Amino acid sequence: GRVRMSFGWGTNLTNDFRDCDPDA
């Protein structure tokens, strides 16, 4: 409500595999 906003979602969209690998 104070400013127009847009978000660019980068690494945490396309490369977030933290704690996903059972063999890590």
mmCIF file of all heavy atoms, coordinates in Angstrom:
data_MODEL
# 
_entry.id   MODEL 
# 
loop_
_atom_site.group_PDB 
_atom_site.id 
_atom_site.type_symbol 
_atom_site.label_atom_id 
_atom_site.label_alt_id 
_atom_site.label_comp_id 
_atom_site.label_asym_id 
_atom_site.label_entity_id 
_atom_site.label_seq_id 
_atom_site.pdbx_PDB_ins_code 
_atom_site.Cartn_x 
_atom_site.Cartn_y 
_atom_site.Cartn_z 
_atom_site.occupancy 
_atom_site.B_iso_or_equiv 
_atom_site.pdbx_formal_charge 
_atom_site.auth_seq_id 
_atom_site.auth_comp_id 
_atom_site.auth_asym_id 
_atom_site.auth_atom_id 
_atom_site.pdbx_PDB_model_num 
ATOM 1   N N   . GLY A 1 1  ? 0.781  -1.222  0.000   1.00 0.00 ? 1  GLY A N   1 
ATOM 2   C CA  . GLY A 1 1  ? 0.000  0.000   0.000   1.00 0.00 ? 1  GLY A CA  1 
ATOM 3   C C   . GLY A 1 1  ? 0.813  1.272   0.000   1.00 0.00 ? 1  GLY A C   1 
ATOM 4   O O   . GLY A 1 1  ? 0.263  2.365   -0.182  1.00 0.00 ? 1  GLY A O   1 
ATOM 5   N N   . ARG A 1 2  ? 2.129  1.163   0.204   1.00 0.00 ? 2  ARG A N   1 
ATOM 6   C CA  . ARG A 1 2  ? 2.998  2.345   0.258   1.00 0.00 ? 2  ARG A CA  1 
ATOM 7   C C   . ARG A 1 2  ? 3.769  2.563   -1.035  1.00 0.00 ? 2  ARG A C   1 
ATOM 8   O O   . ARG A 1 2  ? 4.195  3.682   -1.324  1.00 0.00 ? 2  ARG A O   1 
ATOM 9   C CB  . ARG A 1 2  ? 3.984  2.205   1.418   1.00 0.00 ? 2  ARG A CB  1 
ATOM 10  C CG  . ARG A 1 2  ? 3.333  2.119   2.792   1.00 0.00 ? 2  ARG A CG  1 
ATOM 11  C CD  . ARG A 1 2  ? 4.385  1.832   3.848   1.00 0.00 ? 2  ARG A CD  1 
ATOM 12  N NE  . ARG A 1 2  ? 5.427  2.862   3.812   1.00 0.00 ? 2  ARG A NE  1 
ATOM 13  C CZ  . ARG A 1 2  ? 6.678  2.651   4.250   1.00 0.00 ? 2  ARG A CZ  1 
ATOM 14  N NH1 . ARG A 1 2  ? 7.035  1.469   4.722   1.00 0.00 ? 2  ARG A NH1 1 
ATOM 15  N NH2 . ARG A 1 2  ? 7.570  3.626   4.184   1.00 0.00 ? 2  ARG A NH2 1 
ATOM 16  N N   . VAL A 1 3  ? 3.977  1.503   -1.786  1.00 0.00 ? 3  VAL A N   1 
ATOM 17  C CA  . VAL A 1 3  ? 4.756  1.558   -3.017  1.00 0.00 ? 3  VAL A CA  1 
ATOM 18  C C   . VAL A 1 3  ? 4.383  0.346   -3.857  1.00 0.00 ? 3  VAL A C   1 
ATOM 19  O O   . VAL A 1 3  ? 3.932  -0.678  -3.316  1.00 0.00 ? 3  VAL A O   1 
ATOM 20  C CB  . VAL A 1 3  ? 6.273  1.568   -2.703  1.00 0.00 ? 3  VAL A CB  1 
ATOM 21  C CG1 . VAL A 1 3  ? 6.699  0.244   -2.077  1.00 0.00 ? 3  VAL A CG1 1 
ATOM 22  C CG2 . VAL A 1 3  ? 7.116  1.869   -3.944  1.00 0.00 ? 3  VAL A CG2 1 
ATOM 23  N N   . ARG A 1 4  ? 4.493  0.480   -5.173  1.00 0.00 ? 4  ARG A N   1 
ATOM 24  C CA  . ARG A 1 4  ? 4.319  -0.690  -6.026  1.00 0.00 ? 4  ARG A CA  1 
ATOM 25  C C   . ARG A 1 4  ? 5.516  -1.617  -5.844  1.00 0.00 ? 4  ARG A C   1 
ATOM 26  O O   . ARG A 1 4  ? 6.657  -1.172  -5.765  1.00 0.00 ? 4  ARG A O   1 
ATOM 27  C CB  . ARG A 1 4  ? 4.188  -0.268  -7.488  1.00 0.00 ? 4  ARG A CB  1 
ATOM 28  C CG  . ARG A 1 4  ? 2.934  0.525   -7.804  1.00 0.00 ? 4  ARG A CG  1 
ATOM 29  C CD  . ARG A 1 4  ? 3.082  1.239   -9.140  1.00 0.00 ? 4  ARG A CD  1 
ATOM 30  N NE  . ARG A 1 4  ? 3.427  0.301   -10.197 1.00 0.00 ? 4  ARG A NE  1 
ATOM 31  C CZ  . ARG A 1 4  ? 4.161  0.619   -11.275 1.00 0.00 ? 4  ARG A CZ  1 
ATOM 32  N NH1 . ARG A 1 4  ? 4.623  1.866   -11.414 1.00 0.00 ? 4  ARG A NH1 1 
ATOM 33  N NH2 . ARG A 1 4  ? 4.449  -0.285  -12.189 1.00 0.00 ? 4  ARG A NH2 1 
ATOM 34  N N   . MET A 1 5  ? 5.254  -2.898  -5.790  1.00 0.00 ? 5  MET A N   1 
ATOM 35  C CA  . MET A 1 5  ? 6.305  -3.879  -5.534  1.00 0.00 ? 5  MET A CA  1 
ATOM 36  C C   . MET A 1 5  ? 6.313  -4.986  -6.565  1.00 0.00 ? 5  MET A C   1 
ATOM 37  O O   . MET A 1 5  ? 5.261  -5.379  -7.081  1.00 0.00 ? 5  MET A O   1 
ATOM 38  C CB  . MET A 1 5  ? 6.117  -4.528  -4.159  1.00 0.00 ? 5  MET A CB  1 
ATOM 39  C CG  . MET A 1 5  ? 6.559  -3.765  -2.986  1.00 0.00 ? 5  MET A CG  1 
ATOM 40  S SD  . MET A 1 5  ? 6.269  -4.744  -1.469  1.00 0.00 ? 5  MET A SD  1 
ATOM 41  C CE  . MET A 1 5  ? 4.469  -4.692  -1.377  1.00 0.00 ? 5  MET A CE  1 
ATOM 42  N N   . SER A 1 6  ? 7.497  -5.493  -6.846  1.00 0.00 ? 6  SER A N   1 
ATOM 43  C CA  . SER A 1 6  ? 7.658  -6.709  -7.620  1.00 0.00 ? 6  SER A CA  1 
ATOM 44  C C   . SER A 1 6  ? 8.836  -7.470  -7.041  1.00 0.00 ? 6  SER A C   1 
ATOM 45  O O   . SER A 1 6  ? 9.787  -6.864  -6.542  1.00 0.00 ? 6  SER A O   1 
ATOM 46  C CB  . SER A 1 6  ? 7.897  -6.386  -9.100  1.00 0.00 ? 6  SER A CB  1 
ATOM 47  O OG  . SER A 1 6  ? 8.065  -7.572  -9.862  1.00 0.00 ? 6  SER A OG  1 
ATOM 48  N N   . PHE A 1 7  ? 8.755  -8.794  -7.086  1.00 0.00 ? 7  PHE A N   1 
ATOM 49  C CA  . PHE A 1 7  ? 9.819  -9.628  -6.548  1.00 0.00 ? 7  PHE A CA  1 
ATOM 50  C C   . PHE A 1 7  ? 10.420 -10.485 -7.654  1.00 0.00 ? 7  PHE A C   1 
ATOM 51  O O   . PHE A 1 7  ? 9.696  -11.105 -8.440  1.00 0.00 ? 7  PHE A O   1 
ATOM 52  C CB  . PHE A 1 7  ? 9.293  -10.532 -5.426  1.00 0.00 ? 7  PHE A CB  1 
ATOM 53  C CG  . PHE A 1 7  ? 8.848  -9.780  -4.204  1.00 0.00 ? 7  PHE A CG  1 
ATOM 54  C CD1 . PHE A 1 7  ? 7.538  -9.345  -4.079  1.00 0.00 ? 7  PHE A CD1 1 
ATOM 55  C CD2 . PHE A 1 7  ? 9.743  -9.473  -3.192  1.00 0.00 ? 7  PHE A CD2 1 
ATOM 56  C CE1 . PHE A 1 7  ? 7.112  -8.631  -2.966  1.00 0.00 ? 7  PHE A CE1 1 
ATOM 57  C CE2 . PHE A 1 7  ? 9.331  -8.764  -2.071  1.00 0.00 ? 7  PHE A CE2 1 
ATOM 58  C CZ  . PHE A 1 7  ? 8.019  -8.340  -1.956  1.00 0.00 ? 7  PHE A CZ  1 
ATOM 59  N N   . GLY A 1 8  ? 11.744 -10.506 -7.700  1.00 0.00 ? 8  GLY A N   1 
ATOM 60  C CA  . GLY A 1 8  ? 12.460 -11.428 -8.563  1.00 0.00 ? 8  GLY A CA  1 
ATOM 61  C C   . GLY A 1 8  ? 13.038 -12.540 -7.708  1.00 0.00 ? 8  GLY A C   1 
ATOM 62  O O   . GLY A 1 8  ? 13.916 -12.301 -6.875  1.00 0.00 ? 8  GLY A O   1 
ATOM 63  N N   . TRP A 1 9  ? 12.545 -13.743 -7.901  1.00 0.00 ? 9  TRP A N   1 
ATOM 64  C CA  . TRP A 1 9  ? 12.924 -14.880 -7.056  1.00 0.00 ? 9  TRP A CA  1 
ATOM 65  C C   . TRP A 1 9  ? 13.966 -15.704 -7.800  1.00 0.00 ? 9  TRP A C   1 
ATOM 66  O O   . TRP A 1 9  ? 13.679 -16.245 -8.865  1.00 0.00 ? 9  TRP A O   1 
ATOM 67  C CB  . TRP A 1 9  ? 11.673 -15.696 -6.751  1.00 0.00 ? 9  TRP A CB  1 
ATOM 68  C CG  . TRP A 1 9  ? 11.790 -16.611 -5.566  1.00 0.00 ? 9  TRP A CG  1 
ATOM 69  C CD1 . TRP A 1 9  ? 12.841 -16.692 -4.685  1.00 0.00 ? 9  TRP A CD1 1 
ATOM 70  C CD2 . TRP A 1 9  ? 10.834 -17.558 -5.116  1.00 0.00 ? 9  TRP A CD2 1 
ATOM 71  N NE1 . TRP A 1 9  ? 12.595 -17.641 -3.720  1.00 0.00 ? 9  TRP A NE1 1 
ATOM 72  C CE2 . TRP A 1 9  ? 11.359 -18.174 -3.966  1.00 0.00 ? 9  TRP A CE2 1 
ATOM 73  C CE3 . TRP A 1 9  ? 9.579  -17.941 -5.581  1.00 0.00 ? 9  TRP A CE3 1 
ATOM 74  C CZ2 . TRP A 1 9  ? 10.672 -19.164 -3.274  1.00 0.00 ? 9  TRP A CZ2 1 
ATOM 75  C CZ3 . TRP A 1 9  ? 8.893  -18.927 -4.883  1.00 0.00 ? 9  TRP A CZ3 1 
ATOM 76  C CH2 . TRP A 1 9  ? 9.442  -19.529 -3.738  1.00 0.00 ? 9  TRP A CH2 1 
ATOM 77  N N   . GLY A 1 10 ? 15.170 -15.781 -7.230  1.00 0.00 ? 10 GLY A N   1 
ATOM 78  C CA  . GLY A 1 10 ? 16.280 -16.378 -7.937  1.00 0.00 ? 10 GLY A CA  1 
ATOM 79  C C   . GLY A 1 10 ? 16.680 -17.741 -7.425  1.00 0.00 ? 10 GLY A C   1 
ATOM 80  O O   . GLY A 1 10 ? 15.964 -18.731 -7.561  1.00 0.00 ? 10 GLY A O   1 
ATOM 81  N N   . THR A 1 11 ? 17.854 -17.792 -6.785  1.00 0.00 ? 11 THR A N   1 
ATOM 82  C CA  . THR A 1 11 ? 18.457 -19.062 -6.390  1.00 0.00 ? 11 THR A CA  1 
ATOM 83  C C   . THR A 1 11 ? 17.569 -19.891 -5.491  1.00 0.00 ? 11 THR A C   1 
ATOM 84  O O   . THR A 1 11 ? 17.496 -21.120 -5.611  1.00 0.00 ? 11 THR A O   1 
ATOM 85  C CB  . THR A 1 11 ? 19.804 -18.797 -5.700  1.00 0.00 ? 11 THR A CB  1 
ATOM 86  O OG1 . THR A 1 11 ? 20.609 -17.938 -6.517  1.00 0.00 ? 11 THR A OG1 1 
ATOM 87  C CG2 . THR A 1 11 ? 20.551 -20.100 -5.461  1.00 0.00 ? 11 THR A CG2 1 
ATOM 88  N N   . ASN A 1 12 ? 16.877 -19.248 -4.560  1.00 0.00 ? 12 ASN A N   1 
ATOM 89  C CA  . ASN A 1 12 ? 16.031 -19.992 -3.626  1.00 0.00 ? 12 ASN A CA  1 
ATOM 90  C C   . ASN A 1 12 ? 14.745 -20.510 -4.268  1.00 0.00 ? 12 ASN A C   1 
ATOM 91  O O   . ASN A 1 12 ? 13.993 -21.243 -3.624  1.00 0.00 ? 12 ASN A O   1 
ATOM 92  C CB  . ASN A 1 12 ? 15.711 -19.141 -2.403  1.00 0.00 ? 12 ASN A CB  1 
ATOM 93  C CG  . ASN A 1 12 ? 16.920 -18.953 -1.504  1.00 0.00 ? 12 ASN A CG  1 
ATOM 94  O OD1 . ASN A 1 12 ? 17.635 -19.907 -1.195  1.00 0.00 ? 12 ASN A OD1 1 
ATOM 95  N ND2 . ASN A 1 12 ? 17.187 -17.711 -1.108  1.00 0.00 ? 12 ASN A ND2 1 
ATOM 96  N N   . LEU A 1 13 ? 14.503 -20.141 -5.499  1.00 0.00 ? 13 LEU A N   1 
ATOM 97  C CA  . LEU A 1 13 ? 13.446 -20.764 -6.289  1.00 0.00 ? 13 LEU A CA  1 
ATOM 98  C C   . LEU A 1 13 ? 13.998 -21.938 -7.081  1.00 0.00 ? 13 LEU A C   1 
ATOM 99  O O   . LEU A 1 13 ? 13.444 -23.037 -7.024  1.00 0.00 ? 13 LEU A O   1 
ATOM 100 C CB  . LEU A 1 13 ? 12.818 -19.742 -7.239  1.00 0.00 ? 13 LEU A CB  1 
ATOM 101 C CG  . LEU A 1 13 ? 11.887 -20.307 -8.334  1.00 0.00 ? 13 LEU A CG  1 
ATOM 102 C CD1 . LEU A 1 13 ? 10.657 -20.970 -7.721  1.00 0.00 ? 13 LEU A CD1 1 
ATOM 103 C CD2 . LEU A 1 13 ? 11.470 -19.202 -9.310  1.00 0.00 ? 13 LEU A CD2 1 
ATOM 104 N N   . THR A 1 14 ? 15.070 -21.732 -7.812  1.00 0.00 ? 14 THR A N   1 
ATOM 105 C CA  . THR A 1 14 ? 15.536 -22.723 -8.781  1.00 0.00 ? 14 THR A CA  1 
ATOM 106 C C   . THR A 1 14 ? 16.696 -23.589 -8.303  1.00 0.00 ? 14 THR A C   1 
ATOM 107 O O   . THR A 1 14 ? 17.161 -24.447 -9.053  1.00 0.00 ? 14 THR A O   1 
ATOM 108 C CB  . THR A 1 14 ? 15.963 -22.029 -10.089 1.00 0.00 ? 14 THR A CB  1 
ATOM 109 O OG1 . THR A 1 14 ? 17.062 -21.145 -9.802  1.00 0.00 ? 14 THR A OG1 1 
ATOM 110 C CG2 . THR A 1 14 ? 14.804 -21.248 -10.695 1.00 0.00 ? 14 THR A CG2 1 
ATOM 111 N N   . ASN A 1 15 ? 17.151 -23.381 -7.059  1.00 0.00 ? 15 ASN A N   1 
ATOM 112 C CA  . ASN A 1 15 ? 18.269 -24.208 -6.592  1.00 0.00 ? 15 ASN A CA  1 
ATOM 113 C C   . ASN A 1 15 ? 18.242 -24.396 -5.087  1.00 0.00 ? 15 ASN A C   1 
ATOM 114 O O   . ASN A 1 15 ? 19.272 -24.345 -4.423  1.00 0.00 ? 15 ASN A O   1 
ATOM 115 C CB  . ASN A 1 15 ? 19.604 -23.588 -7.018  1.00 0.00 ? 15 ASN A CB  1 
ATOM 116 C CG  . ASN A 1 15 ? 20.744 -24.613 -6.982  1.00 0.00 ? 15 ASN A CG  1 
ATOM 117 O OD1 . ASN A 1 15 ? 20.551 -25.795 -6.694  1.00 0.00 ? 15 ASN A OD1 1 
ATOM 118 N ND2 . ASN A 1 15 ? 21.956 -24.158 -7.283  1.00 0.00 ? 15 ASN A ND2 1 
ATOM 119 N N   . ASP A 1 16 ? 17.082 -24.658 -4.526  1.00 0.00 ? 16 ASP A N   1 
ATOM 120 C CA  . ASP A 1 16 ? 16.985 -24.904 -3.096  1.00 0.00 ? 16 ASP A CA  1 
ATOM 121 C C   . ASP A 1 16 ? 16.763 -26.391 -2.847  1.00 0.00 ? 16 ASP A C   1 
ATOM 122 O O   . ASP A 1 16 ? 15.634 -26.867 -2.762  1.00 0.00 ? 16 ASP A O   1 
ATOM 123 C CB  . ASP A 1 16 ? 15.857 -24.077 -2.474  1.00 0.00 ? 16 ASP A CB  1 
ATOM 124 C CG  . ASP A 1 16 ? 15.843 -24.192 -0.953  1.00 0.00 ? 16 ASP A CG  1 
ATOM 125 O OD1 . ASP A 1 16 ? 16.764 -24.825 -0.389  1.00 0.00 ? 16 ASP A OD1 1 
ATOM 126 O OD2 . ASP A 1 16 ? 14.905 -23.662 -0.321  1.00 0.00 ? 16 ASP A OD2 1 
ATOM 127 N N   . PHE A 1 17 ? 17.858 -27.116 -2.718  1.00 0.00 ? 17 PHE A N   1 
ATOM 128 C CA  . PHE A 1 17 ? 17.819 -28.538 -2.419  1.00 0.00 ? 17 PHE A CA  1 
ATOM 129 C C   . PHE A 1 17 ? 18.350 -28.830 -1.018  1.00 0.00 ? 17 PHE A C   1 
ATOM 130 O O   . PHE A 1 17 ? 18.703 -29.971 -0.710  1.00 0.00 ? 17 PHE A O   1 
ATOM 131 C CB  . PHE A 1 17 ? 18.641 -29.325 -3.447  1.00 0.00 ? 17 PHE A CB  1 
ATOM 132 C CG  . PHE A 1 17 ? 17.938 -29.540 -4.752  1.00 0.00 ? 17 PHE A CG  1 
ATOM 133 C CD1 . PHE A 1 17 ? 17.770 -28.493 -5.640  1.00 0.00 ? 17 PHE A CD1 1 
ATOM 134 C CD2 . PHE A 1 17 ? 17.421 -30.779 -5.090  1.00 0.00 ? 17 PHE A CD2 1 
ATOM 135 C CE1 . PHE A 1 17 ? 17.120 -28.669 -6.848  1.00 0.00 ? 17 PHE A CE1 1 
ATOM 136 C CE2 . PHE A 1 17 ? 16.757 -30.967 -6.297  1.00 0.00 ? 17 PHE A CE2 1 
ATOM 137 C CZ  . PHE A 1 17 ? 16.608 -29.906 -7.179  1.00 0.00 ? 17 PHE A CZ  1 
ATOM 138 N N   . ARG A 1 18 ? 18.384 -27.805 -0.172  1.00 0.00 ? 18 ARG A N   1 
ATOM 139 C CA  . ARG A 1 18 ? 18.881 -27.995 1.186   1.00 0.00 ? 18 ARG A CA  1 
ATOM 140 C C   . ARG A 1 18 ? 18.035 -29.032 1.914   1.00 0.00 ? 18 ARG A C   1 
ATOM 141 O O   . ARG A 1 18 ? 16.806 -28.947 1.935   1.00 0.00 ? 18 ARG A O   1 
ATOM 142 C CB  . ARG A 1 18 ? 18.873 -26.668 1.943   1.00 0.00 ? 18 ARG A CB  1 
ATOM 143 C CG  . ARG A 1 18 ? 19.756 -25.572 1.319   1.00 0.00 ? 18 ARG A CG  1 
ATOM 144 C CD  . ARG A 1 18 ? 19.539 -24.257 2.053   1.00 0.00 ? 18 ARG A CD  1 
ATOM 145 N NE  . ARG A 1 18 ? 20.292 -23.138 1.494   1.00 0.00 ? 18 ARG A NE  1 
ATOM 146 C CZ  . ARG A 1 18 ? 19.822 -22.332 0.541   1.00 0.00 ? 18 ARG A CZ  1 
ATOM 147 N NH1 . ARG A 1 18 ? 18.599 -22.527 0.026   1.00 0.00 ? 18 ARG A NH1 1 
ATOM 148 N NH2 . ARG A 1 18 ? 20.562 -21.331 0.086   1.00 0.00 ? 18 ARG A NH2 1 
ATOM 149 N N   . ASP A 1 19 ? 18.707 -30.049 2.481   1.00 0.00 ? 19 ASP A N   1 
ATOM 150 C CA  . ASP A 1 19 ? 18.061 -31.110 3.262   1.00 0.00 ? 19 ASP A CA  1 
ATOM 151 C C   . ASP A 1 19 ? 17.143 -31.995 2.423   1.00 0.00 ? 19 ASP A C   1 
ATOM 152 O O   . ASP A 1 19 ? 16.256 -32.671 2.963   1.00 0.00 ? 19 ASP A O   1 
ATOM 153 C CB  . ASP A 1 19 ? 17.261 -30.533 4.441   1.00 0.00 ? 19 ASP A CB  1 
ATOM 154 C CG  . ASP A 1 19 ? 18.118 -29.698 5.383   1.00 0.00 ? 19 ASP A CG  1 
ATOM 155 O OD1 . ASP A 1 19 ? 19.271 -30.104 5.641   1.00 0.00 ? 19 ASP A OD1 1 
ATOM 156 O OD2 . ASP A 1 19 ? 17.642 -28.642 5.835   1.00 0.00 ? 19 ASP A OD2 1 
ATOM 157 N N   . CYS A 1 20 ? 17.360 -32.026 1.121   1.00 0.00 ? 20 CYS A N   1 
ATOM 158 C CA  . CYS A 1 20 ? 16.544 -32.868 0.253   1.00 0.00 ? 20 CYS A CA  1 
ATOM 159 C C   . CYS A 1 20 ? 17.226 -34.180 -0.144  1.00 0.00 ? 20 CYS A C   1 
ATOM 160 O O   . CYS A 1 20 ? 16.555 -35.127 -0.553  1.00 0.00 ? 20 CYS A O   1 
ATOM 161 C CB  . CYS A 1 20 ? 16.148 -32.111 -1.022  1.00 0.00 ? 20 CYS A CB  1 
ATOM 162 S SG  . CYS A 1 20 ? 15.025 -30.724 -0.746  1.00 0.00 ? 20 CYS A SG  1 
ATOM 163 N N   . ASP A 1 21 ? 18.537 -34.237 -0.046  1.00 0.00 ? 21 ASP A N   1 
ATOM 164 C CA  . ASP A 1 21 ? 19.299 -35.393 -0.522  1.00 0.00 ? 21 ASP A CA  1 
ATOM 165 C C   . ASP A 1 21 ? 19.442 -36.410 0.599   1.00 0.00 ? 21 ASP A C   1 
ATOM 166 O O   . ASP A 1 21 ? 20.099 -36.150 1.608   1.00 0.00 ? 21 ASP A O   1 
ATOM 167 C CB  . ASP A 1 21 ? 20.682 -34.929 -1.002  1.00 0.00 ? 21 ASP A CB  1 
ATOM 168 C CG  . ASP A 1 21 ? 21.516 -36.059 -1.588  1.00 0.00 ? 21 ASP A CG  1 
ATOM 169 O OD1 . ASP A 1 21 ? 21.048 -37.215 -1.602  1.00 0.00 ? 21 ASP A OD1 1 
ATOM 170 O OD2 . ASP A 1 21 ? 22.651 -35.761 -2.034  1.00 0.00 ? 21 ASP A OD2 1 
ATOM 171 N N   . PRO A 1 22 ? 18.855 -37.609 0.460   1.00 0.00 ? 22 PRO A N   1 
ATOM 172 C CA  . PRO A 1 22 ? 18.963 -38.616 1.530   1.00 0.00 ? 22 PRO A CA  1 
ATOM 173 C C   . PRO A 1 22 ? 20.367 -39.164 1.701   1.00 0.00 ? 22 PRO A C   1 
ATOM 174 O O   . PRO A 1 22 ? 20.683 -39.726 2.749   1.00 0.00 ? 22 PRO A O   1 
ATOM 175 C CB  . PRO A 1 22 ? 18.000 -39.720 1.057   1.00 0.00 ? 22 PRO A CB  1 
ATOM 176 C CG  . PRO A 1 22 ? 17.932 -39.579 -0.423  1.00 0.00 ? 22 PRO A CG  1 
ATOM 177 C CD  . PRO A 1 22 ? 18.060 -38.115 -0.681  1.00 0.00 ? 22 PRO A CD  1 
ATOM 178 N N   . ASP A 1 23 ? 21.229 -38.988 0.687   1.00 0.00 ? 23 ASP A N   1 
ATOM 179 C CA  . ASP A 1 23 ? 22.592 -39.508 0.752   1.00 0.00 ? 23 ASP A CA  1 
ATOM 180 C C   . ASP A 1 23 ? 23.617 -38.456 1.134   1.00 0.00 ? 23 ASP A C   1 
ATOM 181 O O   . ASP A 1 23 ? 24.823 -38.735 1.162   1.00 0.00 ? 23 ASP A O   1 
ATOM 182 C CB  . ASP A 1 23 ? 22.989 -40.126 -0.597  1.00 0.00 ? 23 ASP A CB  1 
ATOM 183 C CG  . ASP A 1 23 ? 22.241 -41.420 -0.902  1.00 0.00 ? 23 ASP A CG  1 
ATOM 184 O OD1 . ASP A 1 23 ? 21.611 -41.968 0.026   1.00 0.00 ? 23 ASP A OD1 1 
ATOM 185 O OD2 . ASP A 1 23 ? 22.267 -41.865 -2.065  1.00 0.00 ? 23 ASP A OD2 1 
ATOM 186 N N   . ALA A 1 24 ? 23.184 -37.227 1.419   1.00 0.00 ? 24 ALA A N   1 
ATOM 187 C CA  . ALA A 1 24 ? 24.116 -36.151 1.754   1.00 0.00 ? 24 ALA A CA  1 
ATOM 188 C C   . ALA A 1 24 ? 24.692 -36.369 3.144   1.00 0.00 ? 24 ALA A C   1 
ATOM 189 O O   . ALA A 1 24 ? 24.012 -36.782 4.071   1.00 0.00 ? 24 ALA A O   1 
ATOM 190 C CB  . ALA A 1 24 ? 23.434 -34.800 1.676   1.00 0.00 ? 24 ALA A CB  1 
# 
